[in-house]
Amino acid sequence: MDPLTEPDDSRPWIKCFVPIDDAIFSGAGFQYGSNECYAWVIQFYRNNWGGLLSYLESLPWPRPESVQVLVRDENDDCFGVSGYLYREDRQSSETR
């Protein structure tokens, strides 16, 4: 995920992911950081995140079966699970 926390003009989206780790849960704040990361978040305005799921699927995850994407539209009351990025049939949720 490290490459996704930095700007990259070659990606179709311009936003960067922010790690959410145990420093946040303990009240220490972002400035202290942590070796443990539980989630990364990103916010998009309008539907300008094309290619994101395919890009995430292409990354070399240590445990790809554990990767999930939660999506919430501005009009939704809660997040929805976009699905596991890795399935045996190798189709991502983006292509379904």
PDB file of N, CA and C in Angstrom:
ATOM      1  N   MET A   1       0.812  -1.205   0.000  1.00  0.00           N
ATOM      2  CA  MET A   1       0.000   0.000   0.000  1.00  0.00           C
ATOM      3  C   MET A   1       0.850   1.261   0.000  1.00  0.00           C
ATOM      4  N   ASP A   2       2.113   1.160   0.355  1.00  0.00           N
ATOM      5  CA  ASP A   2       2.936   2.369   0.428  1.00  0.00           C
ATOM      6  C   ASP A   2       2.878   3.236  -0.831  1.00  0.00           C
ATOM      7  N   PRO A   3       2.945   2.649  -2.037  1.00  0.00           N
ATOM      8  CA  PRO A   3       2.874   3.507  -3.225  1.00  0.00           C
ATOM      9  C   PRO A   3       1.567   4.297  -3.317  1.00  0.00           C
ATOM     10  N   LEU A   4       0.511   3.775  -2.731  1.00  0.00           N
ATOM     11  CA  LEU A   4      -0.792   4.446  -2.819  1.00  0.00           C
ATOM     12  C   LEU A   4      -0.959   5.552  -1.784  1.00  0.00           C
ATOM     13  N   THR A   5       0.022   5.711  -0.911  1.00  0.00           N
ATOM     14  CA  THR A   5      -0.038   6.796   0.074  1.00  0.00           C
ATOM     15  C   THR A   5       0.700   8.043  -0.414  1.00  0.00           C
ATOM     16  N   GLU A   6       1.249   7.976  -1.625  1.00  0.00           N
ATOM     17  CA  GLU A   6       1.975   9.096  -2.234  1.00  0.00           C
ATOM     18  C   GLU A   6       1.316   9.474  -3.554  1.00  0.00           C
ATOM     19  N   PRO A   7       1.357  10.757  -3.933  1.00  0.00           N
ATOM     20  CA  PRO A   7       0.785  11.163  -5.227  1.00  0.00           C
ATOM     21  C   PRO A   7       1.503  10.480  -6.393  1.00  0.00           C
ATOM     22  N   ASP A   8       0.755  10.180  -7.450  1.00  0.00           N
ATOM     23  CA  ASP A   8       1.318   9.543  -8.638  1.00  0.00           C
ATOM     24  C   ASP A   8       0.497   9.979  -9.845  1.00  0.00           C
ATOM     25  N   ASP A   9       1.094  10.775 -10.711  1.00  0.00           N
ATOM     26  CA  ASP A   9       0.385  11.300 -11.878  1.00  0.00           C
ATOM     27  C   ASP A   9       0.029  10.230 -12.899  1.00  0.00           C
ATOM     28  N   SER A  10       0.629   9.042 -12.815  1.00  0.00           N
ATOM     29  CA  SER A  10       0.328   7.989 -13.785  1.00  0.00           C
ATOM     30  C   SER A  10      -0.980   7.259 -13.472  1.00  0.00           C
ATOM     31  N   ARG A  11      -1.514   7.437 -12.271  1.00  0.00           N
ATOM     32  CA  ARG A  11      -2.781   6.785 -11.919  1.00  0.00           C
ATOM     33  C   ARG A  11      -3.945   7.617 -12.433  1.00  0.00           C
ATOM     34  N   PRO A  12      -5.074   6.961 -12.720  1.00  0.00           N
ATOM     35  CA  PRO A  12      -6.238   7.722 -13.192  1.00  0.00           C
ATOM     36  C   PRO A  12      -6.926   8.529 -12.093  1.00  0.00           C
ATOM     37  N   TRP A  13      -6.567   8.322 -10.841  1.00  0.00           N
ATOM     38  CA  TRP A  13      -7.135   9.113  -9.748  1.00  0.00           C
ATOM     39  C   TRP A  13      -5.996   9.877  -9.074  1.00  0.00           C
ATOM     40  N   ILE A  14      -6.327  10.992  -8.417  1.00  0.00           N
ATOM     41  CA  ILE A  14      -5.276  11.845  -7.861  1.00  0.00           C
ATOM     42  C   ILE A  14      -5.161  11.771  -6.341  1.00  0.00           C
ATOM     43  N   LYS A  15      -6.118  11.184  -5.693  1.00  0.00           N
ATOM     44  CA  LYS A  15      -6.112  11.108  -4.227  1.00  0.00           C
ATOM     45  C   LYS A  15      -5.135  10.046  -3.732  1.00  0.00           C
ATOM     46  N   CYS A  16      -4.784  10.127  -2.443  1.00  0.00           N
ATOM     47  CA  CYS A  16      -3.887   9.167  -1.803  1.00  0.00           C
ATOM     48  C   CYS A  16      -4.590   8.513  -0.616  1.00  0.00           C
ATOM     49  N   PHE A  17      -4.224   7.268  -0.334  1.00  0.00           N
ATOM     50  CA  PHE A  17      -4.745   6.567   0.831  1.00  0.00           C
ATOM     51  C   PHE A  17      -4.055   7.065   2.095  1.00  0.00           C
ATOM     52  N   VAL A  18      -4.773   7.037   3.199  1.00  0.00           N
ATOM     53  CA  VAL A  18      -4.249   7.417   4.511  1.00  0.00           C
ATOM     54  C   VAL A  18      -4.370   6.195   5.419  1.00  0.00           C
ATOM     55  N   PRO A  19      -3.276   5.774   6.096  1.00  0.00           N
ATOM     56  CA  PRO A  19      -3.369   4.625   6.987  1.00  0.00           C
ATOM     57  C   PRO A  19      -4.108   4.965   8.277  1.00  0.00           C
ATOM     58  N   ILE A  20      -4.893   4.027   8.740  1.00  0.00           N
ATOM     59  CA  ILE A  20      -5.568   4.133  10.036  1.00  0.00           C
ATOM     60  C   ILE A  20      -4.967   3.026  10.903  1.00  0.00           C
ATOM     61  N   ASP A  21      -4.221   3.411  11.923  1.00  0.00           N
ATOM     62  CA  ASP A  21      -3.511   2.420  12.728  1.00  0.00           C
ATOM     63  C   ASP A  21      -3.874   2.536  14.206  1.00  0.00           C
ATOM     64  N   ASP A  22      -3.208   1.743  15.041  1.00  0.00           N
ATOM     65  CA  ASP A  22      -3.573   1.724  16.457  1.00  0.00           C
ATOM     66  C   ASP A  22      -3.205   3.008  17.188  1.00  0.00           C
ATOM     67  N   ALA A  23      -2.351   3.871  16.616  1.00  0.00           N
ATOM     68  CA  ALA A  23      -2.073   5.170  17.239  1.00  0.00           C
ATOM     69  C   ALA A  23      -3.340   6.018  17.271  1.00  0.00           C
ATOM     70  N   ILE A  24      -4.149   5.901  16.249  1.00  0.00           N
ATOM     71  CA  ILE A  24      -5.406   6.646  16.197  1.00  0.00           C
ATOM     72  C   ILE A  24      -6.363   6.129  17.268  1.00  0.00           C
ATOM     73  N   PHE A  25      -6.444   4.808  17.406  1.00  0.00           N
ATOM     74  CA  PHE A  25      -7.368   4.226  18.373  1.00  0.00           C
ATOM     75  C   PHE A  25      -6.953   4.509  19.813  1.00  0.00           C
ATOM     76  N   SER A  26      -5.646   4.682  20.046  1.00  0.00           N
ATOM     77  CA  SER A  26      -5.178   4.949  21.406  1.00  0.00           C
ATOM     78  C   SER A  26      -5.266   6.429  21.764  1.00  0.00           C
ATOM     79  N   GLY A  27      -5.558   7.260  20.762  1.00  0.00           N
ATOM     80  CA  GLY A  27      -5.630   8.690  20.995  1.00  0.00           C
ATOM     81  C   GLY A  27      -4.308   9.409  20.779  1.00  0.00           C
ATOM     82  N   ALA A  28      -3.278   8.670  20.365  1.00  0.00           N
ATOM     83  CA  ALA A  28      -1.963   9.276  20.154  1.00  0.00           C
ATOM     84  C   ALA A  28      -1.943  10.195  18.941  1.00  0.00           C
ATOM     85  N   GLY A  29      -2.736   9.883  17.933  1.00  0.00           N
ATOM     86  CA  GLY A  29      -2.808  10.732  16.750  1.00  0.00           C
ATOM     87  C   GLY A  29      -1.888  10.295  15.625  1.00  0.00           C
ATOM     88  N   PHE A  30      -2.117  10.866  14.436  1.00  0.00           N
ATOM     89  CA  PHE A  30      -1.353  10.508  13.243  1.00  0.00           C
ATOM     90  C   PHE A  30       0.140  10.772  13.384  1.00  0.00           C
ATOM     91  N   GLN A  31       0.519  11.814  14.094  1.00  0.00           N
ATOM     92  CA  GLN A  31       1.923  12.204  14.138  1.00  0.00           C
ATOM     93  C   GLN A  31       2.814  11.150  14.786  1.00  0.00           C
ATOM     94  N   TYR A  32       2.253  10.245  15.591  1.00  0.00           N
ATOM     95  CA  TYR A  32       3.067   9.239  16.260  1.00  0.00           C
ATOM     96  C   TYR A  32       3.182   7.951  15.468  1.00  0.00           C
ATOM     97  N   GLY A  33       2.212   7.660  14.638  1.00  0.00           N
ATOM     98  CA  GLY A  33       2.274   6.474  13.799  1.00  0.00           C
ATOM     99  C   GLY A  33       2.312   5.174  14.574  1.00  0.00           C
ATOM    100  N   SER A  34       2.434   4.093  13.840  1.00  0.00           N
ATOM    101  CA  SER A  34       2.444   2.767  14.429  1.00  0.00           C
ATOM    102  C   SER A  34       3.006   1.786  13.409  1.00  0.00           C
ATOM    103  N   ASN A  35       3.502   0.666  13.890  1.00  0.00           N
ATOM    104  CA  ASN A  35       3.942  -0.395  12.986  1.00  0.00           C
ATOM    105  C   ASN A  35       2.777  -1.241  12.500  1.00  0.00           C
ATOM    106  N   GLU A  36       1.646  -1.115  13.143  1.00  0.00           N
ATOM    107  CA  GLU A  36       0.457  -1.880  12.777  1.00  0.00           C
ATOM    108  C   GLU A  36      -0.518  -0.981  12.027  1.00  0.00           C
ATOM    109  N   CYS A  37      -1.045  -1.476  10.937  1.00  0.00           N
ATOM    110  CA  CYS A  37      -2.060  -0.727  10.198  1.00  0.00           C
ATOM    111  C   CYS A  37      -3.266  -1.628  10.012  1.00  0.00           C
ATOM    112  N   TYR A  38      -4.413  -1.120  10.322  1.00  0.00           N
ATOM    113  CA  TYR A  38      -5.633  -1.909  10.247  1.00  0.00           C
ATOM    114  C   TYR A  38      -6.439  -1.616   8.995  1.00  0.00           C
ATOM    115  N   ALA A  39      -6.293  -0.421   8.456  1.00  0.00           N
ATOM    116  CA  ALA A  39      -7.075  -0.045   7.276  1.00  0.00           C
ATOM    117  C   ALA A  39      -6.440   1.176   6.623  1.00  0.00           C
ATOM    118  N   TRP A  40      -6.766   1.359   5.373  1.00  0.00           N
ATOM    119  CA  TRP A  40      -6.397   2.578   4.659  1.00  0.00           C
ATOM    120  C   TRP A  40      -7.683   3.182   4.133  1.00  0.00           C
ATOM    121  N   VAL A  41      -7.772   4.479   4.153  1.00  0.00           N
ATOM    122  CA  VAL A  41      -8.985   5.151   3.680  1.00  0.00           C
ATOM    123  C   VAL A  41      -8.621   6.155   2.590  1.00  0.00           C
ATOM    124  N   ILE A  42      -9.605   6.403   1.742  1.00  0.00           N
ATOM    125  CA  ILE A  42      -9.465   7.396   0.687  1.00  0.00           C
ATOM    126  C   ILE A  42     -10.856   7.935   0.401  1.00  0.00           C
ATOM    127  N   GLN A  43     -10.937   9.198   0.070  1.00  0.00           N
ATOM    128  CA  GLN A  43     -12.229   9.810  -0.242  1.00  0.00           C
ATOM    129  C   GLN A  43     -12.167  10.363  -1.656  1.00  0.00           C
ATOM    130  N   PHE A  44     -13.193  10.039  -2.438  1.00  0.00           N
ATOM    131  CA  PHE A  44     -13.300  10.554  -3.797  1.00  0.00           C
ATOM    132  C   PHE A  44     -14.531  11.427  -3.902  1.00  0.00           C
ATOM    133  N   TYR A  45     -14.407  12.484  -4.668  1.00  0.00           N
ATOM    134  CA  TYR A  45     -15.561  13.326  -4.968  1.00  0.00           C
ATOM    135  C   TYR A  45     -16.072  12.929  -6.338  1.00  0.00           C
ATOM    136  N   ARG A  46     -17.341  12.638  -6.382  1.00  0.00           N
ATOM    137  CA  ARG A  46     -17.972  12.127  -7.593  1.00  0.00           C
ATOM    138  C   ARG A  46     -17.333  10.788  -7.938  1.00  0.00           C
ATOM    139  N   ASN A  47     -17.650  10.258  -9.063  1.00  0.00           N
ATOM    140  CA  ASN A  47     -17.186   8.913  -9.408  1.00  0.00           C
ATOM    141  C   ASN A  47     -15.881   8.978 -10.202  1.00  0.00           C
ATOM    142  N   ASN A  48     -14.814   9.486  -9.594  1.00  0.00           N
ATOM    143  CA  ASN A  48     -13.535   9.602 -10.294  1.00  0.00           C
ATOM    144  C   ASN A  48     -12.492   8.615  -9.765  1.00  0.00           C
ATOM    145  N   TRP A  49     -12.902   7.383  -9.533  1.00  0.00           N
ATOM    146  CA  TRP A  49     -11.983   6.384  -9.013  1.00  0.00           C
ATOM    147  C   TRP A  49     -11.846   5.191  -9.959  1.00  0.00           C
ATOM    148  N   GLY A  50     -12.052   5.449 -11.249  1.00  0.00           N
ATOM    149  CA  GLY A  50     -11.951   4.386 -12.243  1.00  0.00           C
ATOM    150  C   GLY A  50     -10.596   3.693 -12.208  1.00  0.00           C
ATOM    151  N   GLY A  51     -10.613   2.388 -12.310  1.00  0.00           N
ATOM    152  CA  GLY A  51      -9.391   1.600 -12.313  1.00  0.00           C
ATOM    153  C   GLY A  51      -8.837   1.268 -10.945  1.00  0.00           C
ATOM    154  N   LEU A  52      -9.433   1.805  -9.891  1.00  0.00           N
ATOM    155  CA  LEU A  52      -8.892   1.589  -8.548  1.00  0.00           C
ATOM    156  C   LEU A  52      -8.907   0.113  -8.153  1.00  0.00           C
ATOM    157  N   LEU A  53     -10.030  -0.564  -8.336  1.00  0.00           N
ATOM    158  CA  LEU A  53     -10.105  -1.965  -7.910  1.00  0.00           C
ATOM    159  C   LEU A  53      -9.153  -2.847  -8.711  1.00  0.00           C
ATOM    160  N   SER A  54      -9.046  -2.607 -10.008  1.00  0.00           N
ATOM    161  CA  SER A  54      -8.097  -3.375 -10.825  1.00  0.00           C
ATOM    162  C   SER A  54      -6.664  -3.132 -10.365  1.00  0.00           C
ATOM    163  N   TYR A  55      -6.368  -1.895 -10.028  1.00  0.00           N
ATOM    164  CA  TYR A  55      -5.029  -1.555  -9.546  1.00  0.00           C
ATOM    165  C   TYR A  55      -4.742  -2.268  -8.223  1.00  0.00           C
ATOM    166  N   LEU A  56      -5.691  -2.222  -7.300  1.00  0.00           N
ATOM    167  CA  LEU A  56      -5.510  -2.897  -6.013  1.00  0.00           C
ATOM    168  C   LEU A  56      -5.327  -4.396  -6.210  1.00  0.00           C
ATOM    169  N   GLU A  57      -6.074  -4.968  -7.141  1.00  0.00           N
ATOM    170  CA  GLU A  57      -5.972  -6.398  -7.399  1.00  0.00           C
ATOM    171  C   GLU A  57      -4.593  -6.772  -7.930  1.00  0.00           C
ATOM    172  N   SER A  58      -3.940  -5.866  -8.632  1.00  0.00           N
ATOM    173  CA  SER A  58      -2.637  -6.163  -9.231  1.00  0.00           C
ATOM    174  C   SER A  58      -1.480  -6.085  -8.230  1.00  0.00           C
ATOM    175  N   LEU A  59      -1.713  -5.531  -7.046  1.00  0.00           N
ATOM    176  CA  LEU A  59      -0.638  -5.397  -6.056  1.00  0.00           C
ATOM    177  C   LEU A  59      -0.291  -6.748  -5.432  1.00  0.00           C
ATOM    178  N   PRO A  60       0.979  -6.954  -5.035  1.00  0.00           N
ATOM    179  CA  PRO A  60       1.405  -8.227  -4.447  1.00  0.00           C
ATOM    180  C   PRO A  60       1.069  -8.312  -2.954  1.00  0.00           C
ATOM    181  N   TRP A  61      -0.170  -8.614  -2.624  1.00  0.00           N
ATOM    182  CA  TRP A  61      -0.602  -8.686  -1.228  1.00  0.00           C
ATOM    183  C   TRP A  61      -0.051  -9.942  -0.571  1.00  0.00           C
ATOM    184  N   PRO A  62       0.406  -9.865   0.698  1.00  0.00           N
ATOM    185  CA  PRO A  62       0.876 -11.059   1.396  1.00  0.00           C
ATOM    186  C   PRO A  62      -0.247 -12.077   1.609  1.00  0.00           C
ATOM    187  N   ARG A  63      -1.462 -11.602   1.847  1.00  0.00           N
ATOM    188  CA  ARG A  63      -2.627 -12.484   2.016  1.00  0.00           C
ATOM    189  C   ARG A  63      -3.775 -11.909   1.187  1.00  0.00           C
ATOM    190  N   PRO A  64      -3.741 -12.103  -0.121  1.00  0.00           N
ATOM    191  CA  PRO A  64      -4.729 -11.467  -0.996  1.00  0.00           C
ATOM    192  C   PRO A  64      -6.169 -11.839  -0.680  1.00  0.00           C
ATOM    193  N   GLU A  65      -6.383 -12.999  -0.098  1.00  0.00           N
ATOM    194  CA  GLU A  65      -7.756 -13.405   0.227  1.00  0.00           C
ATOM    195  C   GLU A  65      -8.355 -12.563   1.346  1.00  0.00           C
ATOM    196  N   SER A  66      -7.524 -11.794   2.037  1.00  0.00           N
ATOM    197  CA  SER A  66      -8.024 -10.976   3.144  1.00  0.00           C
ATOM    198  C   SER A  66      -8.331  -9.535   2.732  1.00  0.00           C
ATOM    199  N   VAL A  67      -8.069  -9.182   1.484  1.00  0.00           N
ATOM    200  CA  VAL A  67      -8.273  -7.806   1.027  1.00  0.00           C
ATOM    201  C   VAL A  67      -9.749  -7.579   0.712  1.00  0.00           C
ATOM    202  N   GLN A  68     -10.330  -6.570   1.333  1.00  0.00           N
ATOM    203  CA  GLN A  68     -11.714  -6.187   1.077  1.00  0.00           C
ATOM    204  C   GLN A  68     -11.773  -4.697   0.801  1.00  0.00           C
ATOM    205  N   VAL A  69     -12.762  -4.307   0.025  1.00  0.00           N
ATOM    206  CA  VAL A  69     -12.970  -2.891  -0.268  1.00  0.00           C
ATOM    207  C   VAL A  69     -14.370  -2.518   0.186  1.00  0.00           C
ATOM    208  N   LEU A  70     -14.471  -1.482   1.000  1.00  0.00           N
ATOM    209  CA  LEU A  70     -15.762  -0.965   1.451  1.00  0.00           C
ATOM    210  C   LEU A  70     -16.038   0.328   0.700  1.00  0.00           C
ATOM    211  N   VAL A  71     -17.249   0.448   0.185  1.00  0.00           N
ATOM    212  CA  VAL A  71     -17.616   1.613  -0.614  1.00  0.00           C
ATOM    213  C   VAL A  71     -18.850   2.260  -0.013  1.00  0.00           C
ATOM    214  N   ARG A  72     -18.829   3.580   0.050  1.00  0.00           N
ATOM    215  CA  ARG A  72     -19.985   4.314   0.552  1.00  0.00           C
ATOM    216  C   ARG A  72     -20.198   5.532  -0.324  1.00  0.00           C
ATOM    217  N   ASP A  73     -21.375   5.644  -0.893  1.00  0.00           N
ATOM    218  CA  ASP A  73     -21.752   6.813  -1.676  1.00  0.00           C
ATOM    219  C   ASP A  73     -22.266   7.885  -0.732  1.00  0.00           C
ATOM    220  N   GLU A  74     -22.226   9.129  -1.156  1.00  0.00           N
ATOM    221  CA  GLU A  74     -22.660  10.219  -0.286  1.00  0.00           C
ATOM    222  C   GLU A  74     -24.115  10.094   0.146  1.00  0.00           C
ATOM    223  N   ASN A  75     -24.924   9.379  -0.611  1.00  0.00           N
ATOM    224  CA  ASN A  75     -26.334   9.216  -0.257  1.00  0.00           C
ATOM    225  C   ASN A  75     -26.612   7.942   0.533  1.00  0.00           C
ATOM    226  N   ASP A  76     -25.590   7.138   0.785  1.00  0.00           N
ATOM    227  CA  ASP A  76     -25.762   5.889   1.527  1.00  0.00           C
ATOM    228  C   ASP A  76     -25.717   6.143   3.027  1.00  0.00           C
ATOM    229  N   ASP A  77     -26.433   5.304   3.758  1.00  0.00           N
ATOM    230  CA  ASP A  77     -26.406   5.379   5.217  1.00  0.00           C
ATOM    231  C   ASP A  77     -25.223   4.626   5.819  1.00  0.00           C
ATOM    232  N   CYS A  78     -24.699   3.647   5.073  1.00  0.00           N
ATOM    233  CA  CYS A  78     -23.597   2.850   5.597  1.00  0.00           C
ATOM    234  C   CYS A  78     -22.716   2.372   4.447  1.00  0.00           C
ATOM    235  N   PHE A  79     -21.589   1.788   4.796  1.00  0.00           N
ATOM    236  CA  PHE A  79     -20.675   1.250   3.796  1.00  0.00           C
ATOM    237  C   PHE A  79     -21.192  -0.086   3.301  1.00  0.00           C
ATOM    238  N   GLY A  80     -20.896  -0.399   2.057  1.00  0.00           N
ATOM    239  CA  GLY A  80     -21.200  -1.700   1.491  1.00  0.00           C
ATOM    240  C   GLY A  80     -19.897  -2.398   1.153  1.00  0.00           C
ATOM    241  N   VAL A  81     -19.897  -3.707   1.232  1.00  0.00           N
ATOM    242  CA  VAL A  81     -18.706  -4.468   0.876  1.00  0.00           C
ATOM    243  C   VAL A  81     -18.710  -4.647  -0.628  1.00  0.00           C
ATOM    244  N   SER A  82     -17.695  -4.106  -1.264  1.00  0.00           N
ATOM    245  CA  SER A  82     -17.566  -4.253  -2.702  1.00  0.00           C
ATOM    246  C   SER A  82     -17.143  -5.675  -3.029  1.00  0.00           C
ATOM    247  N   GLY A  83     -16.641  -6.377  -2.065  1.00  0.00           N
ATOM    248  CA  GLY A  83     -16.274  -7.774  -2.258  1.00  0.00           C
ATOM    249  C   GLY A  83     -14.789  -7.988  -2.056  1.00  0.00           C
ATOM    250  N   TYR A  84     -14.427  -9.236  -2.006  1.00  0.00           N
ATOM    251  CA  TYR A  84     -13.015  -9.574  -1.943  1.00  0.00           C
ATOM    252  C   TYR A  84     -12.404  -9.274  -3.295  1.00  0.00           C
ATOM    253  N   LEU A  85     -11.210  -8.738  -3.306  1.00  0.00           N
ATOM    254  CA  LEU A  85     -10.554  -8.461  -4.581  1.00  0.00           C
ATOM    255  C   LEU A  85     -10.082  -9.738  -5.246  1.00  0.00           C
ATOM    256  N   TYR A  86      -9.791 -10.752  -4.457  1.00  0.00           N
ATOM    257  CA  TYR A  86      -9.247 -11.976  -5.018  1.00  0.00           C
ATOM    258  C   TYR A  86     -10.233 -13.115  -4.823  1.00  0.00           C
ATOM    259  N   ARG A  87     -10.534 -13.750  -5.910  1.00  0.00           N
ATOM    260  CA  ARG A  87     -11.403 -14.924  -5.895  1.00  0.00           C
ATOM    261  C   ARG A  87     -10.723 -15.994  -6.734  1.00  0.00           C
ATOM    262  N   GLU A  88     -11.177 -17.217  -6.593  1.00  0.00           N
ATOM    263  CA  GLU A  88     -10.571 -18.287  -7.369  1.00  0.00           C
ATOM    264  C   GLU A  88     -10.726 -18.064  -8.862  1.00  0.00           C
ATOM    265  N   ASP A  89     -11.819 -17.449  -9.278  1.00  0.00           N
ATOM    266  CA  ASP A  89     -12.024 -17.215 -10.711  1.00  0.00           C
ATOM    267  C   ASP A  89     -11.289 -15.971 -11.194  1.00  0.00           C
ATOM    268  N   ARG A  90     -10.558 -15.283 -10.283  1.00  0.00           N
ATOM    269  CA  ARG A  90      -9.710 -14.133 -10.576  1.00  0.00           C
ATOM    270  C   ARG A  90     -10.462 -12.934 -11.121  1.00  0.00           C
ATOM    271  N   GLN A  91     -11.741 -12.822 -10.854  1.00  0.00           N
ATOM    272  CA  GLN A  91     -12.484 -11.640 -11.258  1.00  0.00           C
ATOM    273  C   GLN A  91     -12.623 -10.719 -10.068  1.00  0.00           C
ATOM    274  N   SER A  92     -12.365  -9.457 -10.284  1.00  0.00           N
ATOM    275  CA  SER A  92     -12.562  -8.488  -9.214  1.00  0.00           C
ATOM    276  C   SER A  92     -14.001  -8.023  -9.232  1.00  0.00           C
ATOM    277  N   SER A  93     -14.407  -7.375  -8.165  1.00  0.00           N
ATOM    278  CA  SER A  93     -15.761  -6.841  -8.084  1.00  0.00           C
ATOM    279  C   SER A  93     -16.002  -5.792  -9.157  1.00  0.00           C
ATOM    280  N   GLU A  94     -14.933  -5.141  -9.587  1.00  0.00           N
ATOM    281  CA  GLU A  94     -15.066  -4.081 -10.575  1.00  0.00           C
ATOM    282  C   GLU A  94     -15.536  -4.630 -11.922  1.00  0.00           C
ATOM    283  N   THR A  95     -15.212  -5.879 -12.230  1.00  0.00           N
ATOM    284  CA  THR A  95     -15.557  -6.437 -13.527  1.00  0.00           C
ATOM    285  C   THR A  95     -16.887  -7.172 -13.516  1.00  0.00           C
ATOM    286  N   ARG A  96     -17.503  -7.286 -12.364  1.00  0.00           N
ATOM    287  CA  ARG A  96     -18.762  -8.032 -12.271  1.00  0.00           C
ATOM    288  C   ARG A  96     -19.939  -7.161 -12.577  1.00  0.00           C
TER     289      ARG A  96
END
